Amino acid sequence: MKYKKHRHQKISLKKIKIKKNYFLWAITVFFIVSCIYITIQTASAGARLMVLEKEESKLISENQKISAEIIKASSLMKAEEKAMEIGFVKPQNTIYITGEEFVARLP
């Protein structure tokens, strides 16, 4: 009877070792798959970041161009040109009125 118990214990120890091996392999495969997944996610996040950085630099340069156009359009020379285009002219004869002269005086 002792022999059978001992043999039964050997069989159960082999089963435990096999289960441990499967468990270790499963953990190893899980970690490998996790590493691959994280690597792929990191690479795709890097690609998205690169696209956003390019878009940011494009918007910054466009903003600088628009700011330069605003400065150019709001200069006094441009205002004078626009005034001339819509019919304003520089006065030829400027008359200054002092406080002693009456504008509307009875004759």
PDB file of N, CA and C in Angstrom:
ATOM      1  N   MET A   1       0.795  -1.170   0.000  1.00  0.00           N
ATOM      2  CA  MET A   1       0.000   0.000   0.000  1.00  0.00           C
ATOM      3  C   MET A   1       0.853   1.256   0.000  1.00  0.00           C
ATOM      4  N   LYS A   2       1.938   1.195   0.726  1.00  0.00           N
ATOM      5  CA  LYS A   2       2.820   2.347   0.747  1.00  0.00           C
ATOM      6  C   LYS A   2       3.357   2.641  -0.636  1.00  0.00           C
ATOM      7  N   TYR A   3       3.616   1.617  -1.360  1.00  0.00           N
ATOM      8  CA  TYR A   3       4.150   1.787  -2.701  1.00  0.00           C
ATOM      9  C   TYR A   3       3.168   2.527  -3.589  1.00  0.00           C
ATOM     10  N   LYS A   4       1.906   2.184  -3.475  1.00  0.00           N
ATOM     11  CA  LYS A   4       0.889   2.832  -4.291  1.00  0.00           C
ATOM     12  C   LYS A   4       0.742   4.309  -3.914  1.00  0.00           C
ATOM     13  N   LYS A   5       0.812   4.602  -2.637  1.00  0.00           N
ATOM     14  CA  LYS A   5       0.706   5.994  -2.235  1.00  0.00           C
ATOM     15  C   LYS A   5       1.877   6.788  -2.792  1.00  0.00           C
ATOM     16  N   HIS A   6       3.039   6.207  -2.695  1.00  0.00           N
ATOM     17  CA  HIS A   6       4.226   6.883  -3.184  1.00  0.00           C
ATOM     18  C   HIS A   6       4.127   7.120  -4.689  1.00  0.00           C
ATOM     19  N   ARG A   7       3.625   6.125  -5.396  1.00  0.00           N
ATOM     20  CA  ARG A   7       3.464   6.258  -6.839  1.00  0.00           C
ATOM     21  C   ARG A   7       2.405   7.314  -7.147  1.00  0.00           C
ATOM     22  N   HIS A   8       1.366   7.327  -6.384  1.00  0.00           N
ATOM     23  CA  HIS A   8       0.300   8.312  -6.580  1.00  0.00           C
ATOM     24  C   HIS A   8       0.826   9.729  -6.317  1.00  0.00           C
ATOM     25  N   GLN A   9       1.690   9.864  -5.322  1.00  0.00           N
ATOM     26  CA  GLN A   9       2.286  11.153  -5.021  1.00  0.00           C
ATOM     27  C   GLN A   9       3.186  11.597  -6.169  1.00  0.00           C
ATOM     28  N   LYS A  10       3.929  10.677  -6.794  1.00  0.00           N
ATOM     29  CA  LYS A  10       4.778  11.022  -7.928  1.00  0.00           C
ATOM     30  C   LYS A  10       3.943  11.532  -9.088  1.00  0.00           C
ATOM     31  N   ILE A  11       2.838  10.908  -9.323  1.00  0.00           N
ATOM     32  CA  ILE A  11       1.965  11.318 -10.428  1.00  0.00           C
ATOM     33  C   ILE A  11       1.391  12.700 -10.141  1.00  0.00           C
ATOM     34  N   SER A  12       0.977  12.927  -8.927  1.00  0.00           N
ATOM     35  CA  SER A  12       0.402  14.237  -8.612  1.00  0.00           C
ATOM     36  C   SER A  12       1.478  15.320  -8.648  1.00  0.00           C
ATOM     37  N   LEU A  13       2.727  14.977  -8.259  1.00  0.00           N
ATOM     38  CA  LEU A  13       3.811  15.955  -8.360  1.00  0.00           C
ATOM     39  C   LEU A  13       4.101  16.299  -9.812  1.00  0.00           C
ATOM     40  N   LYS A  14       4.031  15.309 -10.690  1.00  0.00           N
ATOM     41  CA  LYS A  14       4.237  15.572 -12.121  1.00  0.00           C
ATOM     42  C   LYS A  14       3.130  16.479 -12.657  1.00  0.00           C
ATOM     43  N   LYS A  15       1.903  16.232 -12.228  1.00  0.00           N
ATOM     44  CA  LYS A  15       0.787  17.069 -12.676  1.00  0.00           C
ATOM     45  C   LYS A  15       0.972  18.509 -12.193  1.00  0.00           C
ATOM     46  N   ILE A  16       1.443  18.653 -10.954  1.00  0.00           N
ATOM     47  CA  ILE A  16       1.672  19.988 -10.412  1.00  0.00           C
ATOM     48  C   ILE A  16       2.774  20.692 -11.185  1.00  0.00           C
ATOM     49  N   LYS A  17       3.847  19.953 -11.514  1.00  0.00           N
ATOM     50  CA  LYS A  17       4.938  20.552 -12.293  1.00  0.00           C
ATOM     51  C   LYS A  17       4.455  20.959 -13.669  1.00  0.00           C
ATOM     52  N   ILE A  18       3.635  20.129 -14.284  1.00  0.00           N
ATOM     53  CA  ILE A  18       3.100  20.454 -15.614  1.00  0.00           C
ATOM     54  C   ILE A  18       2.209  21.689 -15.521  1.00  0.00           C
ATOM     55  N   LYS A  19       1.365  21.760 -14.480  1.00  0.00           N
ATOM     56  CA  LYS A  19       0.505  22.927 -14.296  1.00  0.00           C
ATOM     57  C   LYS A  19       1.339  24.175 -14.055  1.00  0.00           C
ATOM     58  N   LYS A  20       2.432  24.049 -13.283  1.00  0.00           N
ATOM     59  CA  LYS A  20       3.318  25.189 -13.054  1.00  0.00           C
ATOM     60  C   LYS A  20       3.937  25.642 -14.366  1.00  0.00           C
ATOM     61  N   ASN A  21       4.357  24.684 -15.184  1.00  0.00           N
ATOM     62  CA  ASN A  21       4.957  25.037 -16.476  1.00  0.00           C
ATOM     63  C   ASN A  21       3.956  25.785 -17.360  1.00  0.00           C
ATOM     64  N   TYR A  22       2.717  25.277 -17.416  1.00  0.00           N
ATOM     65  CA  TYR A  22       1.698  25.958 -18.206  1.00  0.00           C
ATOM     66  C   TYR A  22       1.437  27.354 -17.661  1.00  0.00           C
ATOM     67  N   PHE A  23       1.376  27.468 -16.360  1.00  0.00           N
ATOM     68  CA  PHE A  23       1.151  28.768 -15.727  1.00  0.00           C
ATOM     69  C   PHE A  23       2.294  29.724 -16.042  1.00  0.00           C
ATOM     70  N   LEU A  24       3.533  29.249 -15.936  1.00  0.00           N
ATOM     71  CA  LEU A  24       4.689  30.100 -16.248  1.00  0.00           C
ATOM     72  C   LEU A  24       4.685  30.515 -17.715  1.00  0.00           C
ATOM     73  N   TRP A  25       4.344  29.574 -18.592  1.00  0.00           N
ATOM     74  CA  TRP A  25       4.273  29.912 -20.015  1.00  0.00           C
ATOM     75  C   TRP A  25       3.155  30.932 -20.269  1.00  0.00           C
ATOM     76  N   ALA A  26       2.039  30.758 -19.608  1.00  0.00           N
ATOM     77  CA  ALA A  26       0.925  31.692 -19.791  1.00  0.00           C
ATOM     78  C   ALA A  26       1.311  33.088 -19.309  1.00  0.00           C
ATOM     79  N   ILE A  27       1.972  33.171 -18.175  1.00  0.00           N
ATOM     80  CA  ILE A  27       2.420  34.475 -17.672  1.00  0.00           C
ATOM     81  C   ILE A  27       3.432  35.100 -18.629  1.00  0.00           C
ATOM     82  N   THR A  28       4.368  34.294 -19.128  1.00  0.00           N
ATOM     83  CA  THR A  28       5.377  34.791 -20.069  1.00  0.00           C
ATOM     84  C   THR A  28       4.723  35.329 -21.335  1.00  0.00           C
ATOM     85  N   VAL A  29       3.773  34.560 -21.877  1.00  0.00           N
ATOM     86  CA  VAL A  29       3.075  34.996 -23.096  1.00  0.00           C
ATOM     87  C   VAL A  29       2.281  36.272 -22.807  1.00  0.00           C
ATOM     88  N   PHE A  30       1.641  36.336 -21.654  1.00  0.00           N
ATOM     89  CA  PHE A  30       0.883  37.536 -21.291  1.00  0.00           C
ATOM     90  C   PHE A  30       1.794  38.756 -21.238  1.00  0.00           C
ATOM     91  N   PHE A  31       2.955  38.637 -20.624  1.00  0.00           N
ATOM     92  CA  PHE A  31       3.868  39.771 -20.539  1.00  0.00           C
ATOM     93  C   PHE A  31       4.419  40.156 -21.906  1.00  0.00           C
ATOM     94  N   ILE A  32       4.692  39.190 -22.752  1.00  0.00           N
ATOM     95  CA  ILE A  32       5.191  39.495 -24.101  1.00  0.00           C
ATOM     96  C   ILE A  32       4.124  40.242 -24.898  1.00  0.00           C
ATOM     97  N   VAL A  33       2.890  39.741 -24.838  1.00  0.00           N
ATOM     98  CA  VAL A  33       1.794  40.401 -25.557  1.00  0.00           C
ATOM     99  C   VAL A  33       1.562  41.808 -24.995  1.00  0.00           C
ATOM    100  N   SER A  34       1.644  41.961 -23.685  1.00  0.00           N
ATOM    101  CA  SER A  34       1.476  43.276 -23.067  1.00  0.00           C
ATOM    102  C   SER A  34       2.563  44.238 -23.528  1.00  0.00           C
ATOM    103  N   CYS A  35       3.792  43.774 -23.584  1.00  0.00           N
ATOM    104  CA  CYS A  35       4.893  44.635 -24.045  1.00  0.00           C
ATOM    105  C   CYS A  35       4.686  45.061 -25.492  1.00  0.00           C
ATOM    106  N   ILE A  36       4.254  44.134 -26.328  1.00  0.00           N
ATOM    107  CA  ILE A  36       4.006  44.466 -27.739  1.00  0.00           C
ATOM    108  C   ILE A  36       2.874  45.481 -27.848  1.00  0.00           C
ATOM    109  N   TYR A  37       1.805  45.273 -27.084  1.00  0.00           N
ATOM    110  CA  TYR A  37       0.671  46.202 -27.104  1.00  0.00           C
ATOM    111  C   TYR A  37       1.096  47.600 -26.657  1.00  0.00           C
ATOM    112  N   ILE A  38       1.836  47.682 -25.583  1.00  0.00           N
ATOM    113  CA  ILE A  38       2.293  48.985 -25.073  1.00  0.00           C
ATOM    114  C   ILE A  38       3.219  49.659 -26.072  1.00  0.00           C
ATOM    115  N   THR A  39       4.074  48.881 -26.736  1.00  0.00           N
ATOM    116  CA  THR A  39       4.970  49.444 -27.752  1.00  0.00           C
ATOM    117  C   THR A  39       4.176  50.021 -28.916  1.00  0.00           C
ATOM    118  N   ILE A  40       3.165  49.304 -29.353  1.00  0.00           N
ATOM    119  CA  ILE A  40       2.330  49.785 -30.465  1.00  0.00           C
ATOM    120  C   ILE A  40       1.585  51.055 -30.050  1.00  0.00           C
ATOM    121  N   GLN A  41       1.036  51.078 -28.857  1.00  0.00           N
ATOM    122  CA  GLN A  41       0.319  52.255 -28.375  1.00  0.00           C
ATOM    123  C   GLN A  41       1.248  53.460 -28.265  1.00  0.00           C
ATOM    124  N   THR A  42       2.461  53.234 -27.802  1.00  0.00           N
ATOM    125  CA  THR A  42       3.430  54.324 -27.676  1.00  0.00           C
ATOM    126  C   THR A  42       3.804  54.870 -29.049  1.00  0.00           C
ATOM    127  N   ALA A  43       4.010  53.974 -30.002  1.00  0.00           N
ATOM    128  CA  ALA A  43       4.373  54.412 -31.354  1.00  0.00           C
ATOM    129  C   ALA A  43       3.235  55.205 -31.989  1.00  0.00           C
ATOM    130  N   SER A  44       1.993  54.739 -31.831  1.00  0.00           N
ATOM    131  CA  SER A  44       0.873  55.467 -32.436  1.00  0.00           C
ATOM    132  C   SER A  44       0.655  56.811 -31.737  1.00  0.00           C
ATOM    133  N   ALA A  45       0.878  56.870 -30.426  1.00  0.00           N
ATOM    134  CA  ALA A  45       0.767  58.150 -29.719  1.00  0.00           C
ATOM    135  C   ALA A  45       1.854  59.113 -30.196  1.00  0.00           C
ATOM    136  N   GLY A  46       3.045  58.598 -30.462  1.00  0.00           N
ATOM    137  CA  GLY A  46       4.120  59.435 -30.992  1.00  0.00           C
ATOM    138  C   GLY A  46       3.778  59.981 -32.365  1.00  0.00           C
ATOM    139  N   ALA A  47       3.151  59.149 -33.187  1.00  0.00           N
ATOM    140  CA  ALA A  47       2.752  59.611 -34.521  1.00  0.00           C
ATOM    141  C   ALA A  47       1.688  60.695 -34.422  1.00  0.00           C
ATOM    142  N   ARG A  48       0.715  60.509 -33.535  1.00  0.00           N
ATOM    143  CA  ARG A  48      -0.317  61.540 -33.353  1.00  0.00           C
ATOM    144  C   ARG A  48       0.295  62.832 -32.837  1.00  0.00           C
ATOM    145  N   LEU A  49       1.251  62.705 -31.917  1.00  0.00           N
ATOM    146  CA  LEU A  49       1.913  63.887 -31.381  1.00  0.00           C
ATOM    147  C   LEU A  49       2.658  64.639 -32.474  1.00  0.00           C
ATOM    148  N   MET A  50       3.319  63.903 -33.367  1.00  0.00           N
ATOM    149  CA  MET A  50       4.046  64.536 -34.462  1.00  0.00           C
ATOM    150  C   MET A  50       3.087  65.305 -35.376  1.00  0.00           C
ATOM    151  N   VAL A  51       1.932  64.719 -35.671  1.00  0.00           N
ATOM    152  CA  VAL A  51       0.946  65.393 -36.521  1.00  0.00           C
ATOM    153  C   VAL A  51       0.455  66.669 -35.835  1.00  0.00           C
ATOM    154  N   LEU A  52       0.191  66.590 -34.536  1.00  0.00           N
ATOM    155  CA  LEU A  52      -0.275  67.772 -33.810  1.00  0.00           C
ATOM    156  C   LEU A  52       0.794  68.853 -33.743  1.00  0.00           C
ATOM    157  N   GLU A  53       2.053  68.468 -33.600  1.00  0.00           N
ATOM    158  CA  GLU A  53       3.130  69.461 -33.569  1.00  0.00           C
ATOM    159  C   GLU A  53       3.276  70.149 -34.916  1.00  0.00           C
ATOM    160  N   LYS A  54       3.131  69.395 -36.016  1.00  0.00           N
ATOM    161  CA  LYS A  54       3.180  70.009 -37.347  1.00  0.00           C
ATOM    162  C   LYS A  54       2.028  70.990 -37.524  1.00  0.00           C
ATOM    163  N   GLU A  55       0.844  70.594 -37.072  1.00  0.00           N
ATOM    164  CA  GLU A  55      -0.313  71.478 -37.181  1.00  0.00           C
ATOM    165  C   GLU A  55      -0.119  72.730 -36.333  1.00  0.00           C
ATOM    166  N   GLU A  56       0.478  72.552 -35.150  1.00  0.00           N
ATOM    167  CA  GLU A  56       0.749  73.701 -34.285  1.00  0.00           C
ATOM    168  C   GLU A  56       1.703  74.676 -34.959  1.00  0.00           C
ATOM    169  N   SER A  57       2.788  74.164 -35.544  1.00  0.00           N
ATOM    170  CA  SER A  57       3.743  75.066 -36.203  1.00  0.00           C
ATOM    171  C   SER A  57       3.111  75.754 -37.408  1.00  0.00           C
ATOM    172  N   LYS A  58       2.238  75.042 -38.114  1.00  0.00           N
ATOM    173  CA  LYS A  58       1.533  75.644 -39.249  1.00  0.00           C
ATOM    174  C   LYS A  58       0.630  76.779 -38.770  1.00  0.00           C
ATOM    175  N   LEU A  59      -0.097  76.543 -37.679  1.00  0.00           N
ATOM    176  CA  LEU A  59      -0.987  77.579 -37.147  1.00  0.00           C
ATOM    177  C   LEU A  59      -0.205  78.770 -36.598  1.00  0.00           C
ATOM    178  N   ILE A  60       0.944  78.512 -36.003  1.00  0.00           N
ATOM    179  CA  ILE A  60       1.768  79.611 -35.487  1.00  0.00           C
ATOM    180  C   ILE A  60       2.263  80.486 -36.627  1.00  0.00           C
ATOM    181  N   SER A  61       2.740  79.856 -37.707  1.00  0.00           N
ATOM    182  CA  SER A  61       3.225  80.660 -38.842  1.00  0.00           C
ATOM    183  C   SER A  61       2.072  81.423 -39.500  1.00  0.00           C
ATOM    184  N   GLU A  62       0.905  80.801 -39.583  1.00  0.00           N
ATOM    185  CA  GLU A  62      -0.254  81.483 -40.157  1.00  0.00           C
ATOM    186  C   GLU A  62      -0.662  82.663 -39.278  1.00  0.00           C
ATOM    187  N   ASN A  63      -0.599  82.478 -37.978  1.00  0.00           N
ATOM    188  CA  ASN A  63      -0.919  83.551 -37.040  1.00  0.00           C
ATOM    189  C   ASN A  63       0.050  84.714 -37.191  1.00  0.00           C
ATOM    190  N   GLN A  64       1.335  84.416 -37.384  1.00  0.00           N
ATOM    191  CA  GLN A  64       2.324  85.477 -37.585  1.00  0.00           C
ATOM    192  C   GLN A  64       2.059  86.243 -38.873  1.00  0.00           C
ATOM    193  N   LYS A  65       1.685  85.521 -39.943  1.00  0.00           N
ATOM    194  CA  LYS A  65       1.381  86.185 -41.211  1.00  0.00           C
ATOM    195  C   LYS A  65       0.174  87.108 -41.063  1.00  0.00           C
ATOM    196  N   ILE A  66      -0.848  86.619 -40.391  1.00  0.00           N
ATOM    197  CA  ILE A  66      -2.057  87.436 -40.205  1.00  0.00           C
ATOM    198  C   ILE A  66      -1.746  88.651 -39.338  1.00  0.00           C
ATOM    199  N   SER A  67      -0.925  88.472 -38.309  1.00  0.00           N
ATOM    200  CA  SER A  67      -0.548  89.615 -37.462  1.00  0.00           C
ATOM    201  C   SER A  67       0.211  90.656 -38.273  1.00  0.00           C
ATOM    202  N   ALA A  68       1.102  90.209 -39.153  1.00  0.00           N
ATOM    203  CA  ALA A  68       1.838  91.150 -40.003  1.00  0.00           C
ATOM    204  C   ALA A  68       0.891  91.888 -40.940  1.00  0.00           C
ATOM    205  N   GLU A  69      -0.100  91.187 -41.475  1.00  0.00           N
ATOM    206  CA  GLU A  69      -1.069  91.831 -42.357  1.00  0.00           C
ATOM    207  C   GLU A  69      -1.910  92.851 -41.587  1.00  0.00           C
ATOM    208  N   ILE A  70      -2.267  92.529 -40.361  1.00  0.00           N
ATOM    209  CA  ILE A  70      -3.042  93.465 -39.541  1.00  0.00           C
ATOM    210  C   ILE A  70      -2.230  94.723 -39.268  1.00  0.00           C
ATOM    211  N   ILE A  71      -0.966  94.556 -38.939  1.00  0.00           N
ATOM    212  CA  ILE A  71      -0.098  95.719 -38.680  1.00  0.00           C
ATOM    213  C   ILE A  71       0.037  96.561 -39.934  1.00  0.00           C
ATOM    214  N   LYS A  72       0.205  95.884 -41.062  1.00  0.00           N
ATOM    215  CA  LYS A  72       0.351  96.611 -42.326  1.00  0.00           C
ATOM    216  C   LYS A  72      -0.945  97.334 -42.686  1.00  0.00           C
ATOM    217  N   ALA A  73      -2.080  96.680 -42.457  1.00  0.00           N
ATOM    218  CA  ALA A  73      -3.368  97.280 -42.826  1.00  0.00           C
ATOM    219  C   ALA A  73      -3.761  98.412 -41.891  1.00  0.00           C
ATOM    220  N   SER A  74      -3.277  98.405 -40.669  1.00  0.00           N
ATOM    221  CA  SER A  74      -3.673  99.451 -39.734  1.00  0.00           C
ATOM    222  C   SER A  74      -2.670 100.606 -39.669  1.00  0.00           C
ATOM    223  N   SER A  75      -1.698 100.623 -40.545  1.00  0.00           N
ATOM    224  CA  SER A  75      -0.737 101.729 -40.540  1.00  0.00           C
ATOM    225  C   SER A  75      -1.397 103.003 -41.064  1.00  0.00           C
ATOM    226  N   LEU A  76      -0.820 104.143 -40.736  1.00  0.00           N
ATOM    227  CA  LEU A  76      -1.385 105.435 -41.147  1.00  0.00           C
ATOM    228  C   LEU A  76      -1.333 105.617 -42.655  1.00  0.00           C
ATOM    229  N   MET A  77      -0.299 105.088 -43.286  1.00  0.00           N
ATOM    230  CA  MET A  77      -0.197 105.228 -44.744  1.00  0.00           C
ATOM    231  C   MET A  77      -1.356 104.490 -45.416  1.00  0.00           C
ATOM    232  N   LYS A  78      -1.693 103.314 -44.906  1.00  0.00           N
ATOM    233  CA  LYS A  78      -2.816 102.571 -45.481  1.00  0.00           C
ATOM    234  C   LYS A  78      -4.121 103.307 -45.225  1.00  0.00           C
ATOM    235  N   ALA A  79      -4.245 103.900 -44.040  1.00  0.00           N
ATOM    236  CA  ALA A  79      -5.464 104.646 -43.735  1.00  0.00           C
ATOM    237  C   ALA A  79      -5.611 105.828 -44.681  1.00  0.00           C
ATOM    238  N   GLU A  80      -4.505 106.490 -44.977  1.00  0.00           N
ATOM    239  CA  GLU A  80      -4.543 107.619 -45.904  1.00  0.00           C
ATOM    240  C   GLU A  80      -4.925 107.146 -47.306  1.00  0.00           C
ATOM    241  N   GLU A  81      -4.364 106.032 -47.738  1.00  0.00           N
ATOM    242  CA  GLU A  81      -4.702 105.503 -49.063  1.00  0.00           C
ATOM    243  C   GLU A  81      -6.178 105.137 -49.147  1.00  0.00           C
ATOM    244  N   LYS A  82      -6.702 104.518 -48.109  1.00  0.00           N
ATOM    245  CA  LYS A  82      -8.110 104.143 -48.094  1.00  0.00           C
ATOM    246  C   LYS A  82      -9.001 105.392 -48.112  1.00  0.00           C
ATOM    247  N   ALA A  83      -8.597 106.409 -47.381  1.00  0.00           N
ATOM    248  CA  ALA A  83      -9.369 107.653 -47.364  1.00  0.00           C
ATOM    249  C   ALA A  83      -9.406 108.278 -48.750  1.00  0.00           C
ATOM    250  N   MET A  84      -8.278 108.266 -49.458  1.00  0.00           N
ATOM    251  CA  MET A  84      -8.227 108.806 -50.818  1.00  0.00           C
ATOM    252  C   MET A  84      -9.125 107.996 -51.748  1.00  0.00           C
ATOM    253  N   GLU A  85      -9.161 106.667 -51.562  1.00  0.00           N
ATOM    254  CA  GLU A  85      -9.975 105.804 -52.421  1.00  0.00           C
ATOM    255  C   GLU A  85     -11.464 106.102 -52.272  1.00  0.00           C
ATOM    256  N   ILE A  86     -11.909 106.433 -51.076  1.00  0.00           N
ATOM    257  CA  ILE A  86     -13.341 106.670 -50.892  1.00  0.00           C
ATOM    258  C   ILE A  86     -13.735 108.137 -51.062  1.00  0.00           C
ATOM    259  N   GLY A  87     -12.779 108.982 -51.437  1.00  0.00           N
ATOM    260  CA  GLY A  87     -13.129 110.346 -51.811  1.00  0.00           C
ATOM    261  C   GLY A  87     -12.664 111.434 -50.864  1.00  0.00           C
ATOM    262  N   PHE A  88     -12.011 111.121 -49.808  1.00  0.00           N
ATOM    263  CA  PHE A  88     -11.486 112.162 -48.930  1.00  0.00           C
ATOM    264  C   PHE A  88     -10.244 112.774 -49.566  1.00  0.00           C
ATOM    265  N   VAL A  89     -10.089 114.094 -49.391  1.00  0.00           N
ATOM    266  CA  VAL A  89      -8.908 114.778 -49.922  1.00  0.00           C
ATOM    267  C   VAL A  89      -8.282 115.614 -48.821  1.00  0.00           C
ATOM    268  N   LYS A  90      -7.032 115.940 -49.013  1.00  0.00           N
ATOM    269  CA  LYS A  90      -6.360 116.816 -48.053  1.00  0.00           C
ATOM    270  C   LYS A  90      -6.862 118.235 -48.266  1.00  0.00           C
ATOM    271  N   PRO A  91      -7.118 118.945 -47.204  1.00  0.00           N
ATOM    272  CA  PRO A  91      -7.604 120.327 -47.365  1.00  0.00           C
ATOM    273  C   PRO A  91      -6.497 121.213 -47.945  1.00  0.00           C
ATOM    274  N   GLN A  92      -6.893 122.107 -48.858  1.00  0.00           N
ATOM    275  CA  GLN A  92      -5.928 122.989 -49.498  1.00  0.00           C
ATOM    276  C   GLN A  92      -5.739 124.279 -48.704  1.00  0.00           C
ATOM    277  N   ASN A  93      -6.845 124.914 -48.364  1.00  0.00           N
ATOM    278  CA  ASN A  93      -6.792 126.182 -47.631  1.00  0.00           C
ATOM    279  C   ASN A  93      -7.314 125.946 -46.217  1.00  0.00           C
ATOM    280  N   THR A  94      -6.455 126.031 -45.277  1.00  0.00           N
ATOM    281  CA  THR A  94      -6.852 125.855 -43.891  1.00  0.00           C
ATOM    282  C   THR A  94      -7.078 127.225 -43.279  1.00  0.00           C
ATOM    283  N   ILE A  95      -8.205 127.411 -42.661  1.00  0.00           N
ATOM    284  CA  ILE A  95      -8.541 128.686 -42.032  1.00  0.00           C
ATOM    285  C   ILE A  95      -8.601 128.446 -40.530  1.00  0.00           C
ATOM    286  N   TYR A  96      -7.852 129.258 -39.809  1.00  0.00           N
ATOM    287  CA  TYR A  96      -7.851 129.164 -38.352  1.00  0.00           C
ATOM    288  C   TYR A  96      -8.678 130.302 -37.789  1.00  0.00           C
ATOM    289  N   ILE A  97      -9.518 130.011 -36.864  1.00  0.00           N
ATOM    290  CA  ILE A  97     -10.382 131.020 -36.252  1.00  0.00           C
ATOM    291  C   ILE A  97      -9.875 131.259 -34.845  1.00  0.00           C
ATOM    292  N   THR A  98      -9.651 132.502 -34.528  1.00  0.00           N
ATOM    293  CA  THR A  98      -9.227 132.834 -33.170  1.00  0.00           C
ATOM    294  C   THR A  98     -10.455 133.164 -32.331  1.00  0.00           C
ATOM    295  N   GLY A  99     -10.287 133.319 -31.075  1.00  0.00           N
ATOM    296  CA  GLY A  99     -11.397 133.607 -30.180  1.00  0.00           C
ATOM    297  C   GLY A  99     -11.954 135.008 -30.371  1.00  0.00           C
ATOM    298  N   GLU A 100     -11.210 135.922 -30.984  1.00  0.00           N
ATOM    299  CA  GLU A 100     -11.660 137.304 -31.138  1.00  0.00           C
ATOM    300  C   GLU A 100     -12.568 137.490 -32.336  1.00  0.00           C
ATOM    301  N   GLU A 101     -12.481 136.627 -33.304  1.00  0.00           N
ATOM    302  CA  GLU A 101     -13.317 136.766 -34.481  1.00  0.00           C
ATOM    303  C   GLU A 101     -14.669 136.114 -34.237  1.00  0.00           C
ATOM    304  N   PHE A 102     -15.693 136.712 -34.786  1.00  0.00           N
ATOM    305  CA  PHE A 102     -17.037 136.188 -34.658  1.00  0.00           C
ATOM    306  C   PHE A 102     -17.400 135.445 -35.928  1.00  0.00           C
ATOM    307  N   VAL A 103     -17.974 134.325 -35.730  1.00  0.00           N
ATOM    308  CA  VAL A 103     -18.346 133.528 -36.890  1.00  0.00           C
ATOM    309  C   VAL A 103     -19.674 133.975 -37.449  1.00  0.00           C
ATOM    310  N   ALA A 104     -20.659 134.160 -36.610  1.00  0.00           N
ATOM    311  CA  ALA A 104     -21.968 134.592 -37.074  1.00  0.00           C
ATOM    312  C   ALA A 104     -22.305 135.904 -36.374  1.00  0.00           C
ATOM    313  N   ARG A 105     -21.968 137.012 -37.007  1.00  0.00           N
ATOM    314  CA  ARG A 105     -22.175 138.309 -36.405  1.00  0.00           C
ATOM    315  C   ARG A 105     -23.248 139.047 -37.209  1.00  0.00           C
ATOM    316  N   LEU A 106     -24.039 139.838 -36.497  1.00  0.00           N
ATOM    317  CA  LEU A 106     -25.042 140.621 -37.173  1.00  0.00           C
ATOM    318  C   LEU A 106     -24.383 141.821 -37.851  1.00  0.00           C
ATOM    319  N   PRO A 107     -24.835 142.177 -39.046  1.00  0.00           N
ATOM    320  CA  PRO A 107     -24.234 143.326 -39.749  1.00  0.00           C
ATOM    321  C   PRO A 107     -24.561 144.660 -39.195  1.00  0.00           C
TER     322      PRO A 107
END
